[in-house]
PDB file of all heavy atoms in Angstrom:
ATOM      1  N   ARG A   1     -19.910  60.306 -83.611  1.00  0.00           N
ATOM      2  CA  ARG A   1     -20.175  59.258 -82.623  1.00  0.00           C
ATOM      3  C   ARG A   1     -19.744  57.872 -83.102  1.00  0.00           C
ATOM      4  O   ARG A   1     -20.108  56.876 -82.485  1.00  0.00           O
ATOM      5  CB  ARG A   1     -21.655  59.278 -82.240  1.00  0.00           C
ATOM      6  CG  ARG A   1     -22.057  60.616 -81.626  1.00  0.00           C
ATOM      7  CD  ARG A   1     -23.286  60.535 -80.767  1.00  0.00           C
ATOM      8  NE  ARG A   1     -24.446  59.993 -81.450  1.00  0.00           N
ATOM      9  CZ  ARG A   1     -25.538  59.543 -80.832  1.00  0.00           C
ATOM     10  NH1 ARG A   1     -25.603  59.553 -79.517  1.00  0.00           N
ATOM     11  NH2 ARG A   1     -26.551  59.089 -81.520  1.00  0.00           N
ATOM     12  N   THR A   2     -18.963  57.813 -84.161  1.00  0.00           N
ATOM     13  CA  THR A   2     -18.323  56.537 -84.499  1.00  0.00           C
ATOM     14  C   THR A   2     -17.110  56.309 -83.597  1.00  0.00           C
ATOM     15  O   THR A   2     -16.482  55.251 -83.655  1.00  0.00           O
ATOM     16  CB  THR A   2     -17.887  56.477 -85.969  1.00  0.00           C
ATOM     17  OG1 THR A   2     -16.885  57.469 -86.211  1.00  0.00           O
ATOM     18  CG2 THR A   2     -19.072  56.691 -86.898  1.00  0.00           C
ATOM     19  N   TYR A   3     -16.785  57.304 -82.776  1.00  0.00           N
ATOM     20  CA  TYR A   3     -15.797  57.152 -81.717  1.00  0.00           C
ATOM     21  C   TYR A   3     -16.537  57.081 -80.384  1.00  0.00           C
ATOM     22  O   TYR A   3     -17.675  57.540 -80.265  1.00  0.00           O
ATOM     23  CB  TYR A   3     -14.821  58.326 -81.703  1.00  0.00           C
ATOM     24  CG  TYR A   3     -13.910  58.371 -82.902  1.00  0.00           C
ATOM     25  CD1 TYR A   3     -14.329  58.992 -84.081  1.00  0.00           C
ATOM     26  CD2 TYR A   3     -12.662  57.787 -82.870  1.00  0.00           C
ATOM     27  CE1 TYR A   3     -13.511  59.030 -85.199  1.00  0.00           C
ATOM     28  CE2 TYR A   3     -11.829  57.811 -83.984  1.00  0.00           C
ATOM     29  CZ  TYR A   3     -12.262  58.429 -85.142  1.00  0.00           C
ATOM     30  OH  TYR A   3     -11.449  58.449 -86.248  1.00  0.00           O
ATOM     31  N   SER A   4     -15.902  56.517 -79.375  1.00  0.00           N
ATOM     32  CA  SER A   4     -16.499  56.443 -78.047  1.00  0.00           C
ATOM     33  C   SER A   4     -16.218  57.727 -77.277  1.00  0.00           C
ATOM     34  O   SER A   4     -15.200  58.393 -77.499  1.00  0.00           O
ATOM     35  CB  SER A   4     -15.920  55.254 -77.266  1.00  0.00           C
ATOM     36  OG  SER A   4     -16.255  54.037 -77.883  1.00  0.00           O
ATOM     37  N   GLY A   5     -17.115  58.051 -76.355  1.00  0.00           N
ATOM     38  CA  GLY A   5     -16.827  59.139 -75.434  1.00  0.00           C
ATOM     39  C   GLY A   5     -15.774  58.692 -74.430  1.00  0.00           C
ATOM     40  O   GLY A   5     -15.449  57.502 -74.326  1.00  0.00           O
ATOM     41  N   ARG A   6     -15.234  59.646 -73.672  1.00  0.00           N
ATOM     42  CA  ARG A   6     -14.326  59.262 -72.587  1.00  0.00           C
ATOM     43  C   ARG A   6     -14.467  60.283 -71.456  1.00  0.00           C
ATOM     44  O   ARG A   6     -14.633  61.482 -71.681  1.00  0.00           O
ATOM     45  CB  ARG A   6     -12.879  59.138 -73.058  1.00  0.00           C
ATOM     46  CG  ARG A   6     -12.184  60.385 -73.526  1.00  0.00           C
ATOM     47  CD  ARG A   6     -10.773  60.066 -74.023  1.00  0.00           C
ATOM     48  NE  ARG A   6      -9.977  59.343 -73.062  1.00  0.00           N
ATOM     49  CZ  ARG A   6      -8.965  58.524 -73.372  1.00  0.00           C
ATOM     50  NH1 ARG A   6      -8.628  58.310 -74.632  1.00  0.00           N
ATOM     51  NH2 ARG A   6      -8.292  57.908 -72.439  1.00  0.00           N
ATOM     52  N   HIS A   7     -14.404  59.769 -70.219  1.00  0.00           N
ATOM     53  CA  HIS A   7     -14.609  60.619 -69.052  1.00  0.00           C
ATOM     54  C   HIS A   7     -13.361  61.406 -68.673  1.00  0.00           C
ATOM     55  O   HIS A   7     -13.465  62.538 -68.190  1.00  0.00           O
ATOM     56  CB  HIS A   7     -15.048  59.773 -67.849  1.00  0.00           C
ATOM     57  CG  HIS A   7     -16.423  59.204 -67.976  1.00  0.00           C
ATOM     58  ND1 HIS A   7     -17.540  59.988 -68.104  1.00  0.00           N
ATOM     59  CD2 HIS A   7     -16.867  57.913 -68.003  1.00  0.00           C
ATOM     60  CE1 HIS A   7     -18.626  59.219 -68.191  1.00  0.00           C
ATOM     61  NE2 HIS A   7     -18.238  57.957 -68.142  1.00  0.00           N
ATOM     62  N   LEU A   8     -12.184  60.814 -68.825  1.00  0.00           N
ATOM     63  CA  LEU A   8     -10.938  61.466 -68.445  1.00  0.00           C
ATOM     64  C   LEU A   8      -9.968  61.461 -69.621  1.00  0.00           C
ATOM     65  O   LEU A   8      -9.985  60.544 -70.450  1.00  0.00           O
ATOM     66  CB  LEU A   8     -10.297  60.752 -67.256  1.00  0.00           C
ATOM     67  CG  LEU A   8     -10.983  60.924 -65.894  1.00  0.00           C
ATOM     68  CD1 LEU A   8     -10.236  60.135 -64.819  1.00  0.00           C
ATOM     69  CD2 LEU A   8     -11.084  62.393 -65.500  1.00  0.00           C
ATOM     70  N   PRO A   9      -9.105  62.469 -69.707  1.00  0.00           N
ATOM     71  CA  PRO A   9      -8.135  62.508 -70.800  1.00  0.00           C
ATOM     72  C   PRO A   9      -7.130  61.369 -70.699  1.00  0.00           C
ATOM     73  O   PRO A   9      -6.942  60.787 -69.625  1.00  0.00           O
ATOM     74  CB  PRO A   9      -7.452  63.870 -70.623  1.00  0.00           C
ATOM     75  CG  PRO A   9      -7.693  64.252 -69.211  1.00  0.00           C
ATOM     76  CD  PRO A   9      -9.004  63.643 -68.827  1.00  0.00           C
ATOM     77  N   PRO A  10      -6.474  61.027 -71.811  1.00  0.00           N
ATOM     78  CA  PRO A  10      -5.502  59.935 -71.775  1.00  0.00           C
ATOM     79  C   PRO A  10      -4.316  60.270 -70.882  1.00  0.00           C
ATOM     80  O   PRO A  10      -3.892  61.418 -70.779  1.00  0.00           O
ATOM     81  CB  PRO A  10      -5.087  59.793 -73.246  1.00  0.00           C
ATOM     82  CG  PRO A  10      -5.459  61.073 -73.898  1.00  0.00           C
ATOM     83  CD  PRO A  10      -6.636  61.597 -73.155  1.00  0.00           C
ATOM     84  N   ALA A  11      -3.808  59.219 -70.240  1.00  0.00           N
ATOM     85  CA  ALA A  11      -2.648  59.364 -69.352  1.00  0.00           C
ATOM     86  C   ALA A  11      -1.428  58.742 -70.019  1.00  0.00           C
ATOM     87  O   ALA A  11      -1.539  57.692 -70.670  1.00  0.00           O
ATOM     88  CB  ALA A  11      -2.928  58.686 -68.017  1.00  0.00           C
ATOM     89  N   PRO A  12      -0.256  59.342 -69.877  1.00  0.00           N
ATOM     90  CA  PRO A  12       0.950  58.797 -70.507  1.00  0.00           C
ATOM     91  C   PRO A  12       1.538  57.637 -69.714  1.00  0.00           C
ATOM     92  O   PRO A  12       1.080  57.308 -68.614  1.00  0.00           O
ATOM     93  CB  PRO A  12       1.902  59.998 -70.491  1.00  0.00           C
ATOM     94  CG  PRO A  12       1.486  60.768 -69.262  1.00  0.00           C
ATOM     95  CD  PRO A  12      -0.007  60.595 -69.159  1.00  0.00           C
ATOM     96  N   ASN A  13       2.570  57.025 -70.276  1.00  0.00           N
ATOM     97  CA  ASN A  13       3.379  56.010 -69.580  1.00  0.00           C
ATOM     98  C   ASN A  13       2.538  54.869 -69.024  1.00  0.00           C
ATOM     99  O   ASN A  13       2.573  54.561 -67.834  1.00  0.00           O
ATOM    100  CB  ASN A  13       4.187  56.672 -68.447  1.00  0.00           C
ATOM    101  CG  ASN A  13       5.059  57.806 -68.939  1.00  0.00           C
ATOM    102  OD1 ASN A  13       5.656  57.706 -70.015  1.00  0.00           O
ATOM    103  ND2 ASN A  13       5.130  58.882 -68.173  1.00  0.00           N
ATOM    104  N   GLN A  14       1.790  54.227 -69.897  1.00  0.00           N
ATOM    105  CA  GLN A  14       0.871  53.174 -69.478  1.00  0.00           C
ATOM    106  C   GLN A  14       1.584  51.925 -68.941  1.00  0.00           C
ATOM    107  O   GLN A  14       1.000  51.144 -68.214  1.00  0.00           O
ATOM    108  CB  GLN A  14      -0.031  52.792 -70.642  1.00  0.00           C
ATOM    109  CG  GLN A  14      -1.094  53.819 -70.958  1.00  0.00           C
ATOM    110  CD  GLN A  14      -2.142  53.922 -69.862  1.00  0.00           C
ATOM    111  OE1 GLN A  14      -2.758  52.937 -69.496  1.00  0.00           O
ATOM    112  NE2 GLN A  14      -2.339  55.108 -69.321  1.00  0.00           N
ATOM    113  N   GLU A  15       2.825  51.695 -69.296  1.00  0.00           N
ATOM    114  CA  GLU A  15       3.512  50.473 -68.879  1.00  0.00           C
ATOM    115  C   GLU A  15       4.365  50.671 -67.634  1.00  0.00           C
ATOM    116  O   GLU A  15       4.834  49.697 -67.049  1.00  0.00           O
ATOM    117  CB  GLU A  15       4.393  49.959 -70.028  1.00  0.00           C
ATOM    118  CG  GLU A  15       3.642  49.715 -71.337  1.00  0.00           C
ATOM    119  CD  GLU A  15       2.494  48.726 -71.191  1.00  0.00           C
ATOM    120  OE1 GLU A  15       2.621  47.779 -70.387  1.00  0.00           O
ATOM    121  OE2 GLU A  15       1.472  48.899 -71.871  1.00  0.00           O
ATOM    122  N   VAL A  16       4.586  51.910 -67.214  1.00  0.00           N
ATOM    123  CA  VAL A  16       5.461  52.174 -66.072  1.00  0.00           C
ATOM    124  C   VAL A  16       4.768  51.744 -64.777  1.00  0.00           C
ATOM    125  O   VAL A  16       3.635  52.141 -64.502  1.00  0.00           O
ATOM    126  CB  VAL A  16       5.838  53.667 -66.008  1.00  0.00           C
ATOM    127  CG1 VAL A  16       6.665  53.953 -64.748  1.00  0.00           C
ATOM    128  CG2 VAL A  16       6.596  54.070 -67.254  1.00  0.00           C
ATOM    129  N   GLY A  17       5.456  50.925 -63.991  1.00  0.00           N
ATOM    130  CA  GLY A  17       4.926  50.490 -62.705  1.00  0.00           C
ATOM    131  C   GLY A  17       3.857  49.433 -62.794  1.00  0.00           C
ATOM    132  O   GLY A  17       3.196  49.136 -61.790  1.00  0.00           O
ATOM    133  N   ARG A  18       3.673  48.857 -63.988  1.00  0.00           N
ATOM    134  CA  ARG A  18       2.610  47.875 -64.190  1.00  0.00           C
ATOM    135  C   ARG A  18       3.166  46.571 -64.750  1.00  0.00           C
ATOM    136  O   ARG A  18       4.211  46.577 -65.415  1.00  0.00           O
ATOM    137  CB  ARG A  18       1.556  48.426 -65.152  1.00  0.00           C
ATOM    138  CG  ARG A  18       0.790  49.603 -64.595  1.00  0.00           C
ATOM    139  CD  ARG A  18      -0.207  50.159 -65.588  1.00  0.00           C
ATOM    140  NE  ARG A  18      -1.032  51.192 -64.975  1.00  0.00           N
ATOM    141  CZ  ARG A  18      -1.938  51.901 -65.615  1.00  0.00           C
ATOM    142  NH1 ARG A  18      -2.145  51.698 -66.916  1.00  0.00           N
ATOM    143  NH2 ARG A  18      -2.646  52.819 -64.989  1.00  0.00           N
ATOM    144  N   PRO A  19       2.455  45.473 -64.549  1.00  0.00           N
ATOM    145  CA  PRO A  19       2.890  44.199 -65.128  1.00  0.00           C
ATOM    146  C   PRO A  19       2.583  44.159 -66.625  1.00  0.00           C
ATOM    147  O   PRO A  19       1.896  45.037 -67.160  1.00  0.00           O
ATOM    148  CB  PRO A  19       2.050  43.180 -64.373  1.00  0.00           C
ATOM    149  CG  PRO A  19       0.787  43.904 -64.061  1.00  0.00           C
ATOM    150  CD  PRO A  19       1.211  45.338 -63.787  1.00  0.00           C
ATOM    151  N   THR A  20       3.078  43.138 -67.295  1.00  0.00           N
ATOM    152  CA  THR A  20       2.685  42.928 -68.682  1.00  0.00           C
ATOM    153  C   THR A  20       1.185  42.650 -68.745  1.00  0.00           C
ATOM    154  O   THR A  20       0.552  42.317 -67.737  1.00  0.00           O
ATOM    155  CB  THR A  20       3.439  41.738 -69.279  1.00  0.00           C
ATOM    156  OG1 THR A  20       3.042  40.545 -68.572  1.00  0.00           O
ATOM    157  CG2 THR A  20       4.950  41.927 -69.190  1.00  0.00           C
ATOM    158  N   VAL A  21       0.626  42.783 -69.918  1.00  0.00           N
ATOM    159  CA  VAL A  21      -0.795  42.490 -70.097  1.00  0.00           C
ATOM    160  C   VAL A  21      -1.098  41.052 -69.694  1.00  0.00           C
ATOM    161  O   VAL A  21      -2.118  40.761 -69.053  1.00  0.00           O
ATOM    162  CB  VAL A  21      -1.220  42.763 -71.557  1.00  0.00           C
ATOM    163  CG1 VAL A  21      -2.640  42.275 -71.804  1.00  0.00           C
ATOM    164  CG2 VAL A  21      -1.124  44.247 -71.871  1.00  0.00           C
ATOM    165  N   GLU A  22      -0.211  40.130 -70.061  1.00  0.00           N
ATOM    166  CA  GLU A  22      -0.408  38.711 -69.710  1.00  0.00           C
ATOM    167  C   GLU A  22      -0.465  38.518 -68.198  1.00  0.00           C
ATOM    168  O   GLU A  22      -1.337  37.813 -67.682  1.00  0.00           O
ATOM    169  CB  GLU A  22       0.715  37.863 -70.307  1.00  0.00           C
ATOM    170  CG  GLU A  22       0.610  37.640 -71.810  1.00  0.00           C
ATOM    171  CD  GLU A  22      -0.382  36.536 -72.155  1.00  0.00           C
ATOM    172  OE1 GLU A  22      -0.842  35.844 -71.228  1.00  0.00           O
ATOM    173  OE2 GLU A  22      -0.703  36.382 -73.340  1.00  0.00           O
ATOM    174  N   ARG A  23       0.466  39.136 -67.476  1.00  0.00           N
ATOM    175  CA  ARG A  23       0.488  38.979 -66.011  1.00  0.00           C
ATOM    176  C   ARG A  23      -0.709  39.660 -65.362  1.00  0.00           C
ATOM    177  O   ARG A  23      -1.239  39.186 -64.355  1.00  0.00           O
ATOM    178  CB  ARG A  23       1.781  39.537 -65.424  1.00  0.00           C
ATOM    179  CG  ARG A  23       3.024  38.688 -65.701  1.00  0.00           C
ATOM    180  CD  ARG A  23       4.126  39.028 -64.706  1.00  0.00           C
ATOM    181  NE  ARG A  23       3.858  38.466 -63.393  1.00  0.00           N
ATOM    182  CZ  ARG A  23       4.160  39.064 -62.234  1.00  0.00           C
ATOM    183  NH1 ARG A  23       4.708  40.275 -62.248  1.00  0.00           N
ATOM    184  NH2 ARG A  23       3.901  38.482 -61.079  1.00  0.00           N
ATOM    185  N   ALA A  24      -1.150  40.775 -65.933  1.00  0.00           N
ATOM    186  CA  ALA A  24      -2.352  41.421 -65.400  1.00  0.00           C
ATOM    187  C   ALA A  24      -3.574  40.536 -65.625  1.00  0.00           C
ATOM    188  O   ALA A  24      -4.442  40.414 -64.753  1.00  0.00           O
ATOM    189  CB  ALA A  24      -2.540  42.791 -66.054  1.00  0.00           C
ATOM    190  N   ALA A  25      -3.647  39.900 -66.790  1.00  0.00           N
ATOM    191  CA  ALA A  25      -4.780  39.017 -67.094  1.00  0.00           C
ATOM    192  C   ALA A  25      -4.801  37.796 -66.183  1.00  0.00           C
ATOM    193  O   ALA A  25      -5.880  37.227 -65.923  1.00  0.00           O
ATOM    194  CB  ALA A  25      -4.735  38.589 -68.557  1.00  0.00           C
ATOM    195  N   ASP A  26      -3.628  37.370 -65.685  1.00  0.00           N
ATOM    196  CA  ASP A  26      -3.583  36.235 -64.749  1.00  0.00           C
ATOM    197  C   ASP A  26      -4.448  36.481 -63.523  1.00  0.00           C
ATOM    198  O   ASP A  26      -4.925  35.533 -62.886  1.00  0.00           O
ATOM    199  CB  ASP A  26      -2.141  35.974 -64.291  1.00  0.00           C
ATOM    200  CG  ASP A  26      -1.258  35.434 -65.403  1.00  0.00           C
ATOM    201  OD1 ASP A  26      -1.793  34.962 -66.419  1.00  0.00           O
ATOM    202  OD2 ASP A  26      -0.016  35.490 -65.244  1.00  0.00           O
ATOM    203  N   LEU A  27      -4.651  37.763 -63.183  1.00  0.00           N
ATOM    204  CA  LEU A  27      -5.435  38.102 -61.999  1.00  0.00           C
ATOM    205  C   LEU A  27      -6.907  37.710 -62.138  1.00  0.00           C
ATOM    206  O   LEU A  27      -7.631  37.665 -61.146  1.00  0.00           O
ATOM    207  CB  LEU A  27      -5.355  39.613 -61.738  1.00  0.00           C
ATOM    208  CG  LEU A  27      -3.983  40.141 -61.295  1.00  0.00           C
ATOM    209  CD1 LEU A  27      -3.935  41.653 -61.436  1.00  0.00           C
ATOM    210  CD2 LEU A  27      -3.709  39.724 -59.859  1.00  0.00           C
ATOM    211  N   PHE A  28      -7.344  37.457 -63.354  1.00  0.00           N
ATOM    212  CA  PHE A  28      -8.753  37.133 -63.576  1.00  0.00           C
ATOM    213  C   PHE A  28      -9.007  35.632 -63.676  1.00  0.00           C
ATOM    214  O   PHE A  28     -10.158  35.193 -63.617  1.00  0.00           O
ATOM    215  CB  PHE A  28      -9.245  37.824 -64.856  1.00  0.00           C
ATOM    216  CG  PHE A  28      -9.317  39.316 -64.738  1.00  0.00           C
ATOM    217  CD1 PHE A  28      -8.200  40.103 -64.977  1.00  0.00           C
ATOM    218  CD2 PHE A  28     -10.493  39.939 -64.360  1.00  0.00           C
ATOM    219  CE1 PHE A  28      -8.259  41.484 -64.857  1.00  0.00           C
ATOM    220  CE2 PHE A  28     -10.564  41.328 -64.230  1.00  0.00           C
ATOM    221  CZ  PHE A  28      -9.440  42.093 -64.479  1.00  0.00           C
ATOM    222  N   ASP A  29      -7.963  34.836 -63.821  1.00  0.00           N
ATOM    223  CA  ASP A  29      -8.130  33.411 -64.129  1.00  0.00           C
ATOM    224  C   ASP A  29      -8.835  32.648 -63.013  1.00  0.00           C
ATOM    225  O   ASP A  29      -8.468  32.760 -61.831  1.00  0.00           O
ATOM    226  CB  ASP A  29      -6.768  32.755 -64.377  1.00  0.00           C
ATOM    227  CG  ASP A  29      -6.155  33.192 -65.692  1.00  0.00           C
ATOM    228  OD1 ASP A  29      -6.854  33.845 -66.481  1.00  0.00           O
ATOM    229  OD2 ASP A  29      -4.967  32.875 -65.913  1.00  0.00           O
ATOM    230  N   ARG A  30      -9.844  31.877 -63.387  1.00  0.00           N
ATOM    231  CA  ARG A  30     -10.513  30.938 -62.467  1.00  0.00           C
ATOM    232  C   ARG A  30      -9.697  29.660 -62.465  1.00  0.00           C
ATOM    233  O   ARG A  30      -9.676  28.931 -63.455  1.00  0.00           O
ATOM    234  CB  ARG A  30     -11.943  30.688 -62.935  1.00  0.00           C
ATOM    235  CG  ARG A  30     -12.732  29.726 -62.043  1.00  0.00           C
ATOM    236  CD  ARG A  30     -14.122  29.482 -62.646  1.00  0.00           C
ATOM    237  NE  ARG A  30     -14.932  30.693 -62.681  1.00  0.00           N
ATOM    238  CZ  ARG A  30     -15.986  30.868 -63.460  1.00  0.00           C
ATOM    239  NH1 ARG A  30     -16.360  29.908 -64.293  1.00  0.00           N
ATOM    240  NH2 ARG A  30     -16.672  32.002 -63.430  1.00  0.00           N
ATOM    241  N   ASP A  31      -9.029  29.370 -61.349  1.00  0.00           N
ATOM    242  CA  ASP A  31      -8.143  28.207 -61.312  1.00  0.00           C
ATOM    243  C   ASP A  31      -8.673  27.086 -60.429  1.00  0.00           C
ATOM    244  O   ASP A  31      -7.952  26.169 -60.051  1.00  0.00           O
ATOM    245  CB  ASP A  31      -6.738  28.606 -60.866  1.00  0.00           C
ATOM    246  CG  ASP A  31      -6.733  29.323 -59.513  1.00  0.00           C
ATOM    247  OD1 ASP A  31      -7.809  29.390 -58.874  1.00  0.00           O
ATOM    248  OD2 ASP A  31      -5.666  29.807 -59.097  1.00  0.00           O
ATOM    249  N   GLY A  32      -9.928  27.157 -60.101  1.00  0.00           N
ATOM    250  CA  GLY A  32     -10.546  26.116 -59.288  1.00  0.00           C
ATOM    251  C   GLY A  32     -12.054  26.248 -59.361  1.00  0.00           C
ATOM    252  O   GLY A  32     -12.614  26.560 -60.411  1.00  0.00           O
ATOM    253  N   GLU A  33     -12.725  26.009 -58.244  1.00  0.00           N
ATOM    254  CA  GLU A  33     -14.174  26.148 -58.200  1.00  0.00           C
ATOM    255  C   GLU A  33     -14.592  27.610 -58.380  1.00  0.00           C
ATOM    256  O   GLU A  33     -13.928  28.521 -57.894  1.00  0.00           O
ATOM    257  CB  GLU A  33     -14.711  25.632 -56.863  1.00  0.00           C
ATOM    258  CG  GLU A  33     -14.628  24.130 -56.702  1.00  0.00           C
ATOM    259  CD  GLU A  33     -15.537  23.397 -57.665  1.00  0.00           C
ATOM    260  OE1 GLU A  33     -16.696  23.838 -57.839  1.00  0.00           O
ATOM    261  OE2 GLU A  33     -15.076  22.404 -58.250  1.00  0.00           O
ATOM    262  N   MET A  34     -15.685  27.808 -59.079  1.00  0.00           N
ATOM    263  CA  MET A  34     -16.205  29.157 -59.255  1.00  0.00           C
ATOM    264  C   MET A  34     -16.629  29.739 -57.911  1.00  0.00           C
ATOM    265  O   MET A  34     -17.255  29.055 -57.087  1.00  0.00           O
ATOM    266  CB  MET A  34     -17.409  29.130 -60.197  1.00  0.00           C
ATOM    267  CG  MET A  34     -18.038  30.494 -60.448  1.00  0.00           C
ATOM    268  SD  MET A  34     -19.467  30.423 -61.555  1.00  0.00           S
ATOM    269  CE  MET A  34     -20.698  29.686 -60.466  1.00  0.00           C
ATOM    270  N   ILE A  35     -16.263  30.998 -57.665  1.00  0.00           N
ATOM    271  CA  ILE A  35     -16.740  31.716 -56.490  1.00  0.00           C
ATOM    272  C   ILE A  35     -18.152  32.204 -56.798  1.00  0.00           C
ATOM    273  O   ILE A  35     -18.378  32.916 -57.779  1.00  0.00           O
ATOM    274  CB  ILE A  35     -15.833  32.911 -56.161  1.00  0.00           C
ATOM    275  CG1 ILE A  35     -14.375  32.459 -56.035  1.00  0.00           C
ATOM    276  CG2 ILE A  35     -16.296  33.604 -54.882  1.00  0.00           C
ATOM    277  CD1 ILE A  35     -13.381  33.606 -56.037  1.00  0.00           C
ATOM    278  N   LEU A  36     -19.122  31.809 -55.990  1.00  0.00           N
ATOM    279  CA  LEU A  36     -20.524  32.100 -56.279  1.00  0.00           C
ATOM    280  C   LEU A  36     -20.897  33.517 -55.890  1.00  0.00           C
ATOM    281  O   LEU A  36     -20.455  34.044 -54.863  1.00  0.00           O
ATOM    282  CB  LEU A  36     -21.427  31.116 -55.538  1.00  0.00           C
ATOM    283  CG  LEU A  36     -21.322  29.648 -55.958  1.00  0.00           C
ATOM    284  CD1 LEU A  36     -22.109  28.772 -54.992  1.00  0.00           C
ATOM    285  CD2 LEU A  36     -21.837  29.460 -57.376  1.00  0.00           C
ATOM    286  N   CYS A  37     -21.728  34.128 -56.709  1.00  0.00           N
ATOM    287  CA  CYS A  37     -22.305  35.427 -56.365  1.00  0.00           C
ATOM    288  C   CYS A  37     -23.349  35.207 -55.263  1.00  0.00           C
ATOM    289  O   CYS A  37     -24.145  34.262 -55.344  1.00  0.00           O
ATOM    290  CB  CYS A  37     -22.968  36.054 -57.586  1.00  0.00           C
ATOM    291  SG  CYS A  37     -23.748  37.659 -57.236  1.00  0.00           S
ATOM    292  N   PRO A  38     -23.362  36.030 -54.213  1.00  0.00           N
ATOM    293  CA  PRO A  38     -24.338  35.827 -53.136  1.00  0.00           C
ATOM    294  C   PRO A  38     -25.770  36.167 -53.548  1.00  0.00           C
ATOM    295  O   PRO A  38     -26.698  35.856 -52.811  1.00  0.00           O
ATOM    296  CB  PRO A  38     -23.853  36.786 -52.045  1.00  0.00           C
ATOM    297  CG  PRO A  38     -23.142  37.864 -52.791  1.00  0.00           C
ATOM    298  CD  PRO A  38     -22.486  37.182 -53.955  1.00  0.00           C
ATOM    299  N   ARG A  39     -25.937  36.763 -54.732  1.00  0.00           N
ATOM    300  CA  ARG A  39     -27.246  37.337 -55.046  1.00  0.00           C
ATOM    301  C   ARG A  39     -27.789  36.965 -56.421  1.00  0.00           C
ATOM    302  O   ARG A  39     -29.007  36.869 -56.608  1.00  0.00           O
ATOM    303  CB  ARG A  39     -27.118  38.858 -54.939  1.00  0.00           C
ATOM    304  CG  ARG A  39     -28.395  39.644 -55.052  1.00  0.00           C
ATOM    305  CD  ARG A  39     -28.137  41.101 -54.743  1.00  0.00           C
ATOM    306  NE  ARG A  39     -29.306  41.923 -55.025  1.00  0.00           N
ATOM    307  CZ  ARG A  39     -30.352  42.045 -54.229  1.00  0.00           C
ATOM    308  NH1 ARG A  39     -30.373  41.398 -53.076  1.00  0.00           N
ATOM    309  NH2 ARG A  39     -31.377  42.812 -54.565  1.00  0.00           N
ATOM    310  N   SER A  40     -26.926  36.750 -57.413  1.00  0.00           N
ATOM    311  CA  SER A  40     -27.366  36.708 -58.806  1.00  0.00           C
ATOM    312  C   SER A  40     -27.518  35.308 -59.360  1.00  0.00           C
ATOM    313  O   SER A  40     -26.770  34.390 -59.007  1.00  0.00           O
ATOM    314  CB  SER A  40     -26.366  37.465 -59.694  1.00  0.00           C
ATOM    315  OG  SER A  40     -26.210  38.787 -59.271  1.00  0.00           O
ATOM    316  N   THR A  41     -28.463  35.171 -60.286  1.00  0.00           N
ATOM    317  CA  THR A  41     -28.604  33.956 -61.069  1.00  0.00           C
ATOM    318  C   THR A  41     -27.989  34.166 -62.452  1.00  0.00           C
ATOM    319  O   THR A  41     -27.641  35.288 -62.838  1.00  0.00           O
ATOM    320  CB  THR A  41     -30.084  33.577 -61.236  1.00  0.00           C
ATOM    321  OG1 THR A  41     -30.724  34.561 -62.077  1.00  0.00           O
ATOM    322  CG2 THR A  41     -30.799  33.499 -59.901  1.00  0.00           C
ATOM    323  N   VAL A  42     -27.898  33.083 -63.207  1.00  0.00           N
ATOM    324  CA  VAL A  42     -27.381  33.169 -64.566  1.00  0.00           C
ATOM    325  C   VAL A  42     -28.267  34.063 -65.435  1.00  0.00           C
ATOM    326  O   VAL A  42     -27.775  34.704 -66.376  1.00  0.00           O
ATOM    327  CB  VAL A  42     -27.245  31.752 -65.163  1.00  0.00           C
ATOM    328  CG1 VAL A  42     -27.043  31.780 -66.671  1.00  0.00           C
ATOM    329  CG2 VAL A  42     -26.073  31.019 -64.498  1.00  0.00           C
ATOM    330  N   LEU A  43     -29.557  34.160 -65.117  1.00  0.00           N
ATOM    331  CA  LEU A  43     -30.440  35.040 -65.892  1.00  0.00           C
ATOM    332  C   LEU A  43     -29.941  36.484 -65.846  1.00  0.00           C
ATOM    333  O   LEU A  43     -30.034  37.211 -66.837  1.00  0.00           O
ATOM    334  CB  LEU A  43     -31.873  34.957 -65.372  1.00  0.00           C
ATOM    335  CG  LEU A  43     -32.901  35.755 -66.187  1.00  0.00           C
ATOM    336  CD1 LEU A  43     -33.059  35.167 -67.588  1.00  0.00           C
ATOM    337  CD2 LEU A  43     -34.248  35.803 -65.476  1.00  0.00           C
TER     338      LEU A  43
END
């Protein structure tokens, strides 16, 4: 158990049909006001 479990076996060709890691990470960037959660507090 010094390794993690996994639900599905590994899939090949991880870069085919996908953007670079940098471009994928751009999808997460907050570039203006934070979008508020309708339900949650910081707690």
